[in-house]
Every structure is written in C-alpha cells, then in structure tokens.
C-alpha cells in the first residue's frame, strides 16, 4: 500500500464490516474496492494512515455527505472517528 504515496496510505474503512482498503491515489479508489466487495456506501469513511507514527487522520472528499450530517471532508462524528481508528490500528498497527 505504501507504493502509491510513500509516506502515508489513503484508506477507505467500512465501519460496519470492520475492514478497509488502502493504497489508492484517491480515497475513492479504495472506496470502490469496498463497494465491489459488498460494502454499503453509508458505512465507508475516508482516512489516512501514517505507518511511521501509527496515526490516523480523518479527512477525505468521500466523507462529504450531508444526508449523514457530515458536511465537511473531516469526519465530524467522534464515534465514527473512533471506529475508523480502531479498525485501522487493528489491521495496520505495528506493520
């Protein structure tokens, strides 16, 4: 997944299924992989993973979804942010 951007990984995380796709040029690249695998769009959130610091950031164009009360690129809901972080750390932590 590091081949695309070298210093961090773009992610799409399905908070319902507890899975993620990463490594695309755009978060939407990762999102489409999950959609093709059966995920539902309302459960997929964009984030970035920094393997050096093991940190997650929560900003992506795919996160703009007014119908789910998220009007910016950053995930506003703390519970969703925690779910995204938990899944990313579980699947990518210490790698």
PDB file of N, CA and C in Angstrom:
ATOM      1  N   UNK A   1       0.807  -1.204   0.000  1.00  0.00           N
ATOM      2  CA  UNK A   1       0.000   0.000   0.000  1.00  0.00           C
ATOM      3  C   UNK A   1       0.849   1.267   0.000  1.00  0.00           C
ATOM      4  N   UNK A   2       2.082   1.177   0.417  1.00  0.00           N
ATOM      5  CA  UNK A   2       2.950   2.357   0.508  1.00  0.00           C
ATOM      6  C   UNK A   2       3.493   2.795  -0.851  1.00  0.00           C
ATOM      7  N   UNK A   3       3.371   1.990  -1.869  1.00  0.00           N
ATOM      8  CA  UNK A   3       3.967   2.300  -3.164  1.00  0.00           C
ATOM      9  C   UNK A   3       3.381   3.561  -3.798  1.00  0.00           C
ATOM     10  N   UNK A   4       2.126   3.835  -3.563  1.00  0.00           N
ATOM     11  CA  UNK A   4       1.467   4.956  -4.225  1.00  0.00           C
ATOM     12  C   UNK A   4       1.954   6.306  -3.715  1.00  0.00           C
ATOM     13  N   UNK A   5       1.968   6.508  -2.401  1.00  0.00           N
ATOM     14  CA  UNK A   5       2.275   7.829  -1.853  1.00  0.00           C
ATOM     15  C   UNK A   5       3.546   7.878  -1.011  1.00  0.00           C
ATOM     16  N   UNK A   6       4.124   6.757  -0.667  1.00  0.00           N
ATOM     17  CA  UNK A   6       5.415   6.611   0.025  1.00  0.00           C
ATOM     18  C   UNK A   6       5.425   6.983   1.510  1.00  0.00           C
ATOM     19  N   UNK A   7       4.719   8.023   1.941  1.00  0.00           N
ATOM     20  CA  UNK A   7       4.806   8.424   3.347  1.00  0.00           C
ATOM     21  C   UNK A   7       3.531   8.149   4.143  1.00  0.00           C
ATOM     22  N   UNK A   8       2.420   7.954   3.473  1.00  0.00           N
ATOM     23  CA  UNK A   8       1.168   7.626   4.152  1.00  0.00           C
ATOM     24  C   UNK A   8       0.276   6.846   3.201  1.00  0.00           C
ATOM     25  N   UNK A   9      -0.806   6.307   3.748  1.00  0.00           N
ATOM     26  CA  UNK A   9      -1.709   5.462   2.961  1.00  0.00           C
ATOM     27  C   UNK A   9      -3.118   6.041   3.029  1.00  0.00           C
ATOM     28  N   UNK A  10      -3.730   6.233   1.873  1.00  0.00           N
ATOM     29  CA  UNK A  10      -5.135   6.626   1.826  1.00  0.00           C
ATOM     30  C   UNK A  10      -5.969   5.372   2.079  1.00  0.00           C
ATOM     31  N   UNK A  11      -6.993   5.534   2.916  1.00  0.00           N
ATOM     32  CA  UNK A  11      -7.836   4.409   3.305  1.00  0.00           C
ATOM     33  C   UNK A  11      -9.308   4.707   3.052  1.00  0.00           C
ATOM     34  N   UNK A  12     -10.051   3.653   2.839  1.00  0.00           N
ATOM     35  CA  UNK A  12     -11.499   3.660   2.946  1.00  0.00           C
ATOM     36  C   UNK A  12     -11.816   2.555   3.937  1.00  0.00           C
ATOM     37  N   UNK A  13     -12.566   2.900   4.979  1.00  0.00           N
ATOM     38  CA  UNK A  13     -12.823   1.964   6.071  1.00  0.00           C
ATOM     39  C   UNK A  13     -14.318   1.701   6.158  1.00  0.00           C
ATOM     40  N   UNK A  14     -14.688   0.426   6.113  1.00  0.00           N
ATOM     41  CA  UNK A  14     -16.082   0.032   6.311  1.00  0.00           C
ATOM     42  C   UNK A  14     -16.274  -0.236   7.797  1.00  0.00           C
ATOM     43  N   UNK A  15     -16.935   0.689   8.486  1.00  0.00           N
ATOM     44  CA  UNK A  15     -17.078   0.580   9.935  1.00  0.00           C
ATOM     45  C   UNK A  15     -18.088  -0.492  10.336  1.00  0.00           C
ATOM     46  N   UNK A  16     -18.918  -0.917   9.415  1.00  0.00           N
ATOM     47  CA  UNK A  16     -19.883  -1.976   9.704  1.00  0.00           C
ATOM     48  C   UNK A  16     -19.230  -3.356   9.610  1.00  0.00           C
ATOM     49  N   UNK A  17     -18.415  -3.562   8.607  1.00  0.00           N
ATOM     50  CA  UNK A  17     -17.776  -4.863   8.381  1.00  0.00           C
ATOM     51  C   UNK A  17     -16.415  -4.977   9.056  1.00  0.00           C
ATOM     52  N   UNK A  18     -15.849  -3.863   9.510  1.00  0.00           N
ATOM     53  CA  UNK A  18     -14.553  -3.898  10.180  1.00  0.00           C
ATOM     54  C   UNK A  18     -13.395  -4.189   9.251  1.00  0.00           C
ATOM     55  N   UNK A  19     -13.516  -3.723   7.999  1.00  0.00           N
ATOM     56  CA  UNK A  19     -12.469  -3.945   7.004  1.00  0.00           C
ATOM     57  C   UNK A  19     -12.050  -2.614   6.400  1.00  0.00           C
ATOM     58  N   UNK A  20     -10.961  -2.645   5.658  1.00  0.00           N
ATOM     59  CA  UNK A  20     -10.516  -1.437   4.963  1.00  0.00           C
ATOM     60  C   UNK A  20      -9.849  -1.804   3.654  1.00  0.00           C
ATOM     61  N   UNK A  21      -9.760  -0.827   2.787  1.00  0.00           N
ATOM     62  CA  UNK A  21      -8.974  -0.923   1.555  1.00  0.00           C
ATOM     63  C   UNK A  21      -8.045   0.280   1.568  1.00  0.00           C
ATOM     64  N   UNK A  22      -6.835   0.095   1.116  1.00  0.00           N
ATOM     65  CA  UNK A  22      -5.881   1.194   1.145  1.00  0.00           C
ATOM     66  C   UNK A  22      -4.914   1.156  -0.010  1.00  0.00           C
ATOM     67  N   UNK A  23      -4.257   2.296  -0.203  1.00  0.00           N
ATOM     68  CA  UNK A  23      -3.197   2.363  -1.195  1.00  0.00           C
ATOM     69  C   UNK A  23      -3.555   3.043  -2.490  1.00  0.00           C
ATOM     70  N   UNK A  24      -4.745   3.536  -2.624  1.00  0.00           N
ATOM     71  CA  UNK A  24      -5.136   4.208  -3.859  1.00  0.00           C
ATOM     72  C   UNK A  24      -4.573   5.614  -3.956  1.00  0.00           C
ATOM     73  N   UNK A  25      -4.637   6.159  -5.153  1.00  0.00           N
ATOM     74  CA  UNK A  25      -4.257   7.552  -5.360  1.00  0.00           C
ATOM     75  C   UNK A  25      -5.291   8.457  -4.696  1.00  0.00           C
ATOM     76  N   UNK A  26      -6.550   8.054  -4.771  1.00  0.00           N
ATOM     77  CA  UNK A  26      -7.662   8.787  -4.164  1.00  0.00           C
ATOM     78  C   UNK A  26      -8.386   7.875  -3.180  1.00  0.00           C
ATOM     79  N   UNK A  27      -9.025   8.476  -2.190  1.00  0.00           N
ATOM     80  CA  UNK A  27      -9.830   7.688  -1.265  1.00  0.00           C
ATOM     81  C   UNK A  27     -10.940   6.959  -2.033  1.00  0.00           C
ATOM     82  N   UNK A  28     -11.438   7.585  -3.081  1.00  0.00           N
ATOM     83  CA  UNK A  28     -12.497   6.973  -3.887  1.00  0.00           C
ATOM     84  C   UNK A  28     -12.037   5.677  -4.549  1.00  0.00           C
ATOM     85  N   UNK A  29     -10.738   5.555  -4.846  1.00  0.00           N
ATOM     86  CA  UNK A  29     -10.207   4.297  -5.391  1.00  0.00           C
ATOM     87  C   UNK A  29     -10.409   3.167  -4.388  1.00  0.00           C
ATOM     88  N   UNK A  30     -10.104   3.458  -3.147  1.00  0.00           N
ATOM     89  CA  UNK A  30     -10.252   2.470  -2.078  1.00  0.00           C
ATOM     90  C   UNK A  30     -11.733   2.188  -1.816  1.00  0.00           C
ATOM     91  N   UNK A  31     -12.538   3.240  -1.837  1.00  0.00           N
ATOM     92  CA  UNK A  31     -13.971   3.089  -1.630  1.00  0.00           C
ATOM     93  C   UNK A  31     -14.578   2.163  -2.680  1.00  0.00           C
ATOM     94  N   UNK A  32     -14.182   2.303  -3.928  1.00  0.00           N
ATOM     95  CA  UNK A  32     -14.765   1.474  -4.985  1.00  0.00           C
ATOM     96  C   UNK A  32     -14.413  -0.002  -4.800  1.00  0.00           C
ATOM     97  N   UNK A  33     -13.240  -0.295  -4.259  1.00  0.00           N
ATOM     98  CA  UNK A  33     -12.867  -1.684  -3.974  1.00  0.00           C
ATOM     99  C   UNK A  33     -13.831  -2.275  -2.939  1.00  0.00           C
ATOM    100  N   UNK A  34     -14.118  -1.497  -1.896  1.00  0.00           N
ATOM    101  CA  UNK A  34     -15.040  -1.984  -0.866  1.00  0.00           C
ATOM    102  C   UNK A  34     -16.457  -2.134  -1.402  1.00  0.00           C
ATOM    103  N   UNK A  35     -16.896  -1.190  -2.234  1.00  0.00           N
ATOM    104  CA  UNK A  35     -18.235  -1.287  -2.815  1.00  0.00           C
ATOM    105  C   UNK A  35     -18.363  -2.535  -3.690  1.00  0.00           C
ATOM    106  N   UNK A  36     -17.333  -2.816  -4.463  1.00  0.00           N
ATOM    107  CA  UNK A  36     -17.334  -4.017  -5.304  1.00  0.00           C
ATOM    108  C   UNK A  36     -17.354  -5.294  -4.467  1.00  0.00           C
ATOM    109  N   UNK A  37     -16.866  -5.198  -3.227  1.00  0.00           N
ATOM    110  CA  UNK A  37     -16.810  -6.352  -2.340  1.00  0.00           C
ATOM    111  C   UNK A  37     -18.070  -6.484  -1.482  1.00  0.00           C
ATOM    112  N   UNK A  38     -19.045  -5.604  -1.687  1.00  0.00           N
ATOM    113  CA  UNK A  38     -20.315  -5.729  -0.990  1.00  0.00           C
ATOM    114  C   UNK A  38     -20.568  -4.737   0.124  1.00  0.00           C
ATOM    115  N   UNK A  39     -19.652  -3.823   0.374  1.00  0.00           N
ATOM    116  CA  UNK A  39     -19.883  -2.806   1.400  1.00  0.00           C
ATOM    117  C   UNK A  39     -20.946  -1.822   0.938  1.00  0.00           C
ATOM    118  N   UNK A  40     -21.600  -1.189   1.890  1.00  0.00           N
ATOM    119  CA  UNK A  40     -22.587  -0.162   1.597  1.00  0.00           C
ATOM    120  C   UNK A  40     -21.942   1.202   1.795  1.00  0.00           C
ATOM    121  N   UNK A  41     -22.190   2.121   0.879  1.00  0.00           N
ATOM    122  CA  UNK A  41     -21.509   3.419   0.865  1.00  0.00           C
ATOM    123  C   UNK A  41     -21.647   4.175   2.179  1.00  0.00           C
ATOM    124  N   UNK A  42     -22.810   4.119   2.822  1.00  0.00           N
ATOM    125  CA  UNK A  42     -23.002   4.879   4.056  1.00  0.00           C
ATOM    126  C   UNK A  42     -22.123   4.383   5.205  1.00  0.00           C
ATOM    127  N   UNK A  43     -21.529   3.203   5.062  1.00  0.00           N
ATOM    128  CA  UNK A  43     -20.651   2.651   6.096  1.00  0.00           C
ATOM    129  C   UNK A  43     -19.173   2.881   5.820  1.00  0.00           C
ATOM    130  N   UNK A  44     -18.853   3.470   4.680  1.00  0.00           N
ATOM    131  CA  UNK A  44     -17.458   3.654   4.275  1.00  0.00           C
ATOM    132  C   UNK A  44     -17.020   5.088   4.543  1.00  0.00           C
ATOM    133  N   UNK A  45     -15.904   5.226   5.229  1.00  0.00           N
ATOM    134  CA  UNK A  45     -15.359   6.546   5.564  1.00  0.00           C
ATOM    135  C   UNK A  45     -13.898   6.615   5.157  1.00  0.00           C
ATOM    136  N   UNK A  46     -13.482   7.792   4.705  1.00  0.00           N
ATOM    137  CA  UNK A  46     -12.112   8.001   4.253  1.00  0.00           C
ATOM    138  C   UNK A  46     -11.212   8.489   5.371  1.00  0.00           C
ATOM    139  N   UNK A  47      -9.966   8.016   5.330  1.00  0.00           N
ATOM    140  CA  UNK A  47      -8.965   8.416   6.317  1.00  0.00           C
ATOM    141  C   UNK A  47      -7.582   8.211   5.714  1.00  0.00           C
ATOM    142  N   UNK A  48      -6.579   8.657   6.439  1.00  0.00           N
ATOM    143  CA  UNK A  48      -5.188   8.407   6.054  1.00  0.00           C
ATOM    144  C   UNK A  48      -4.484   7.729   7.213  1.00  0.00           C
ATOM    145  N   UNK A  49      -3.533   6.871   6.886  1.00  0.00           N
ATOM    146  CA  UNK A  49      -2.743   6.146   7.884  1.00  0.00           C
ATOM    147  C   UNK A  49      -1.278   6.504   7.700  1.00  0.00           C
ATOM    148  N   UNK A  50      -0.652   6.946   8.777  1.00  0.00           N
ATOM    149  CA  UNK A  50       0.778   7.218   8.773  1.00  0.00           C
ATOM    150  C   UNK A  50       1.456   6.055   9.491  1.00  0.00           C
ATOM    151  N   UNK A  51       2.124   5.173   8.750  1.00  0.00           N
ATOM    152  CA  UNK A  51       2.728   3.998   9.389  1.00  0.00           C
ATOM    153  C   UNK A  51       3.889   4.336  10.330  1.00  0.00           C
ATOM    154  N   UNK A  52       4.541   5.451  10.116  1.00  0.00           N
ATOM    155  CA  UNK A  52       5.657   5.837  10.974  1.00  0.00           C
ATOM    156  C   UNK A  52       5.175   6.213  12.369  1.00  0.00           C
ATOM    157  N   UNK A  53       4.128   7.014  12.434  1.00  0.00           N
ATOM    158  CA  UNK A  53       3.605   7.477  13.722  1.00  0.00           C
ATOM    159  C   UNK A  53       2.431   6.650  14.226  1.00  0.00           C
ATOM    160  N   UNK A  54       1.915   5.752  13.370  1.00  0.00           N
ATOM    161  CA  UNK A  54       0.742   4.935  13.690  1.00  0.00           C
ATOM    162  C   UNK A  54      -0.484   5.813  13.969  1.00  0.00           C
ATOM    163  N   UNK A  55      -0.584   6.945  13.260  1.00  0.00           N
ATOM    164  CA  UNK A  55      -1.683   7.876  13.453  1.00  0.00           C
ATOM    165  C   UNK A  55      -2.656   7.851  12.285  1.00  0.00           C
ATOM    166  N   UNK A  56      -3.903   8.122  12.617  1.00  0.00           N
ATOM    167  CA  UNK A  56      -4.974   8.211  11.628  1.00  0.00           C
ATOM    168  C   UNK A  56      -5.417   9.668  11.535  1.00  0.00           C
ATOM    169  N   UNK A  57      -5.607  10.153  10.318  1.00  0.00           N
ATOM    170  CA  UNK A  57      -6.251  11.444  10.113  1.00  0.00           C
ATOM    171  C   UNK A  57      -7.555  11.167   9.361  1.00  0.00           C
ATOM    172  N   UNK A  58      -8.513  12.055   9.498  1.00  0.00           N
ATOM    173  CA  UNK A  58      -9.895  11.755   9.115  1.00  0.00           C
ATOM    174  C   UNK A  58     -10.446  12.652   8.023  1.00  0.00           C
ATOM    175  N   UNK A  59      -9.629  13.063   7.087  1.00  0.00           N
ATOM    176  CA  UNK A  59     -10.064  13.998   6.061  1.00  0.00           C
ATOM    177  C   UNK A  59     -10.022  13.348   4.686  1.00  0.00           C
ATOM    178  N   UNK A  60     -11.169  13.379   3.989  1.00  0.00           N
ATOM    179  CA  UNK A  60     -11.255  12.824   2.636  1.00  0.00           C
ATOM    180  C   UNK A  60     -12.507  13.372   1.952  1.00  0.00           C
ATOM    181  N   UNK A  61     -12.425  13.535   0.660  1.00  0.00           N
ATOM    182  CA  UNK A  61     -13.590  14.005  -0.103  1.00  0.00           C
ATOM    183  C   UNK A  61     -14.786  13.076   0.046  1.00  0.00           C
ATOM    184  N   UNK A  62     -14.532  11.775   0.164  1.00  0.00           N
ATOM    185  CA  UNK A  62     -15.659  10.834   0.262  1.00  0.00           C
ATOM    186  C   UNK A  62     -16.436  10.994   1.567  1.00  0.00           C
ATOM    187  N   UNK A  63     -15.903  11.763   2.491  1.00  0.00           N
ATOM    188  CA  UNK A  63     -16.600  11.986   3.767  1.00  0.00           C
ATOM    189  C   UNK A  63     -17.663  13.083   3.686  1.00  0.00           C
ATOM    190  N   UNK A  64     -17.695  13.843   2.614  1.00  0.00           N
ATOM    191  CA  UNK A  64     -18.711  14.892   2.471  1.00  0.00           C
ATOM    192  C   UNK A  64     -20.032  14.207   2.134  1.00  0.00           C
ATOM    193  N   UNK A  65     -20.920  14.190   3.088  1.00  0.00           N
ATOM    194  CA  UNK A  65     -22.226  13.552   2.901  1.00  0.00           C
ATOM    195  C   UNK A  65     -23.267  14.193   3.805  1.00  0.00           C
ATOM    196  N   UNK A  66     -23.862  15.263   3.323  1.00  0.00           N
ATOM    197  CA  UNK A  66     -24.871  15.992   4.111  1.00  0.00           C
ATOM    198  C   UNK A  66     -26.015  15.114   4.607  1.00  0.00           C
ATOM    199  N   UNK A  67     -26.422  14.109   3.838  1.00  0.00           N
ATOM    200  CA  UNK A  67     -27.542  13.269   4.266  1.00  0.00           C
ATOM    201  C   UNK A  67     -27.207  12.466   5.520  1.00  0.00           C
ATOM    202  N   UNK A  68     -25.902  12.345   5.837  1.00  0.00           N
ATOM    203  CA  UNK A  68     -25.473  11.679   7.065  1.00  0.00           C
ATOM    204  C   UNK A  68     -24.933  12.701   8.074  1.00  0.00           C
ATOM    205  N   UNK A  69     -25.277  13.946   7.863  1.00  0.00           N
ATOM    206  CA  UNK A  69     -24.905  15.046   8.752  1.00  0.00           C
ATOM    207  C   UNK A  69     -23.386  15.248   8.844  1.00  0.00           C
ATOM    208  N   UNK A  70     -22.682  14.976   7.762  1.00  0.00           N
ATOM    209  CA  UNK A  70     -21.241  15.253   7.701  1.00  0.00           C
ATOM    210  C   UNK A  70     -21.020  16.168   6.501  1.00  0.00           C
ATOM    211  N   UNK A  71     -20.894  17.448   6.768  1.00  0.00           N
ATOM    212  CA  UNK A  71     -20.865  18.452   5.709  1.00  0.00           C
ATOM    213  C   UNK A  71     -19.465  18.887   5.300  1.00  0.00           C
ATOM    214  N   UNK A  72     -18.446  18.261   5.876  1.00  0.00           N
ATOM    215  CA  UNK A  72     -17.076  18.636   5.510  1.00  0.00           C
ATOM    216  C   UNK A  72     -16.281  17.387   5.148  1.00  0.00           C
ATOM    217  N   UNK A  73     -15.048  17.608   4.744  1.00  0.00           N
ATOM    218  CA  UNK A  73     -14.178  16.492   4.395  1.00  0.00           C
ATOM    219  C   UNK A  73     -13.735  15.716   5.634  1.00  0.00           C
ATOM    220  N   UNK A  74     -13.760  16.356   6.770  1.00  0.00           N
ATOM    221  CA  UNK A  74     -13.334  15.704   8.007  1.00  0.00           C
ATOM    222  C   UNK A  74     -14.519  14.989   8.664  1.00  0.00           C
ATOM    223  N   UNK A  75     -14.272  13.794   9.182  1.00  0.00           N
ATOM    224  CA  UNK A  75     -15.320  13.063   9.882  1.00  0.00           C
ATOM    225  C   UNK A  75     -15.647  13.814  11.169  1.00  0.00           C
ATOM    226  N   UNK A  76     -16.900  14.259  11.299  1.00  0.00           N
ATOM    227  CA  UNK A  76     -17.304  15.069  12.443  1.00  0.00           C
ATOM    228  C   UNK A  76     -17.702  14.228  13.655  1.00  0.00           C
ATOM    229  N   UNK A  77     -18.308  13.098  13.418  1.00  0.00           N
ATOM    230  CA  UNK A  77     -18.828  12.259  14.492  1.00  0.00           C
ATOM    231  C   UNK A  77     -17.689  11.538  15.211  1.00  0.00           C
ATOM    232  N   UNK A  78     -17.556  11.808  16.499  1.00  0.00           N
ATOM    233  CA  UNK A  78     -16.477  11.221  17.299  1.00  0.00           C
ATOM    234  C   UNK A  78     -16.561   9.699  17.322  1.00  0.00           C
ATOM    235  N   UNK A  79     -17.760   9.141  17.391  1.00  0.00           N
ATOM    236  CA  UNK A  79     -17.920   7.679  17.417  1.00  0.00           C
ATOM    237  C   UNK A  79     -17.414   7.052  16.121  1.00  0.00           C
ATOM    238  N   UNK A  80     -17.723   7.679  14.999  1.00  0.00           N
ATOM    239  CA  UNK A  80     -17.248   7.160  13.706  1.00  0.00           C
ATOM    240  C   UNK A  80     -15.733   7.268  13.635  1.00  0.00           C
ATOM    241  N   UNK A  81     -15.178   8.387  14.084  1.00  0.00           N
ATOM    242  CA  UNK A  81     -13.720   8.550  14.104  1.00  0.00           C
ATOM    243  C   UNK A  81     -13.060   7.448  14.929  1.00  0.00           C
ATOM    244  N   UNK A  82     -13.640   7.144  16.090  1.00  0.00           N
ATOM    245  CA  UNK A  82     -13.095   6.098  16.948  1.00  0.00           C
ATOM    246  C   UNK A  82     -13.157   4.734  16.270  1.00  0.00           C
ATOM    247  N   UNK A  83     -14.264   4.456  15.581  1.00  0.00           N
ATOM    248  CA  UNK A  83     -14.387   3.188  14.864  1.00  0.00           C
ATOM    249  C   UNK A  83     -13.344   3.083  13.756  1.00  0.00           C
ATOM    250  N   UNK A  84     -13.168   4.157  12.995  1.00  0.00           N
ATOM    251  CA  UNK A  84     -12.173   4.170  11.920  1.00  0.00           C
ATOM    252  C   UNK A  84     -10.782   3.929  12.497  1.00  0.00           C
ATOM    253  N   UNK A  85     -10.448   4.623  13.567  1.00  0.00           N
ATOM    254  CA  UNK A  85      -9.130   4.472  14.194  1.00  0.00           C
ATOM    255  C   UNK A  85      -8.927   3.060  14.724  1.00  0.00           C
ATOM    256  N   UNK A  86      -9.933   2.515  15.368  1.00  0.00           N
ATOM    257  CA  UNK A  86      -9.834   1.172  15.928  1.00  0.00           C
ATOM    258  C   UNK A  86      -9.570   0.132  14.831  1.00  0.00           C
ATOM    259  N   UNK A  87     -10.299   0.226  13.735  1.00  0.00           N
ATOM    260  CA  UNK A  87     -10.116  -0.715  12.625  1.00  0.00           C
ATOM    261  C   UNK A  87      -8.735  -0.544  11.998  1.00  0.00           C
ATOM    262  N   UNK A  88      -8.315   0.702  11.769  1.00  0.00           N
ATOM    263  CA  UNK A  88      -7.010   0.942  11.171  1.00  0.00           C
ATOM    264  C   UNK A  88      -5.889   0.413  12.077  1.00  0.00           C
ATOM    265  N   UNK A  89      -5.969   0.679  13.373  1.00  0.00           N
ATOM    266  CA  UNK A  89      -4.930   0.201  14.284  1.00  0.00           C
ATOM    267  C   UNK A  89      -4.918  -1.329  14.360  1.00  0.00           C
ATOM    268  N   UNK A  90      -6.085  -1.918  14.359  1.00  0.00           N
ATOM    269  CA  UNK A  90      -6.167  -3.383  14.422  1.00  0.00           C
ATOM    270  C   UNK A  90      -5.542  -4.034  13.181  1.00  0.00           C
ATOM    271  N   UNK A  91      -5.858  -3.471  12.005  1.00  0.00           N
ATOM    272  CA  UNK A  91      -5.407  -4.093  10.761  1.00  0.00           C
ATOM    273  C   UNK A  91      -4.040  -3.619  10.281  1.00  0.00           C
ATOM    274  N   UNK A  92      -3.621  -2.414  10.668  1.00  0.00           N
ATOM    275  CA  UNK A  92      -2.374  -1.865  10.147  1.00  0.00           C
ATOM    276  C   UNK A  92      -1.338  -1.558  11.215  1.00  0.00           C
ATOM    277  N   UNK A  93      -1.725  -1.548  12.457  1.00  0.00           N
ATOM    278  CA  UNK A  93      -0.805  -1.194  13.530  1.00  0.00           C
ATOM    279  C   UNK A  93       0.388  -2.138  13.613  1.00  0.00           C
ATOM    280  N   UNK A  94       1.533  -1.543  13.901  1.00  0.00           N
ATOM    281  CA  UNK A  94       2.785  -2.288  14.050  1.00  0.00           C
ATOM    282  C   UNK A  94       3.186  -3.056  12.803  1.00  0.00           C
ATOM    283  N   UNK A  95       2.768  -2.555  11.648  1.00  0.00           N
ATOM    284  CA  UNK A  95       3.142  -3.202  10.381  1.00  0.00           C
ATOM    285  C   UNK A  95       4.305  -2.451   9.768  1.00  0.00           C
TER     286      UNK A  95
END
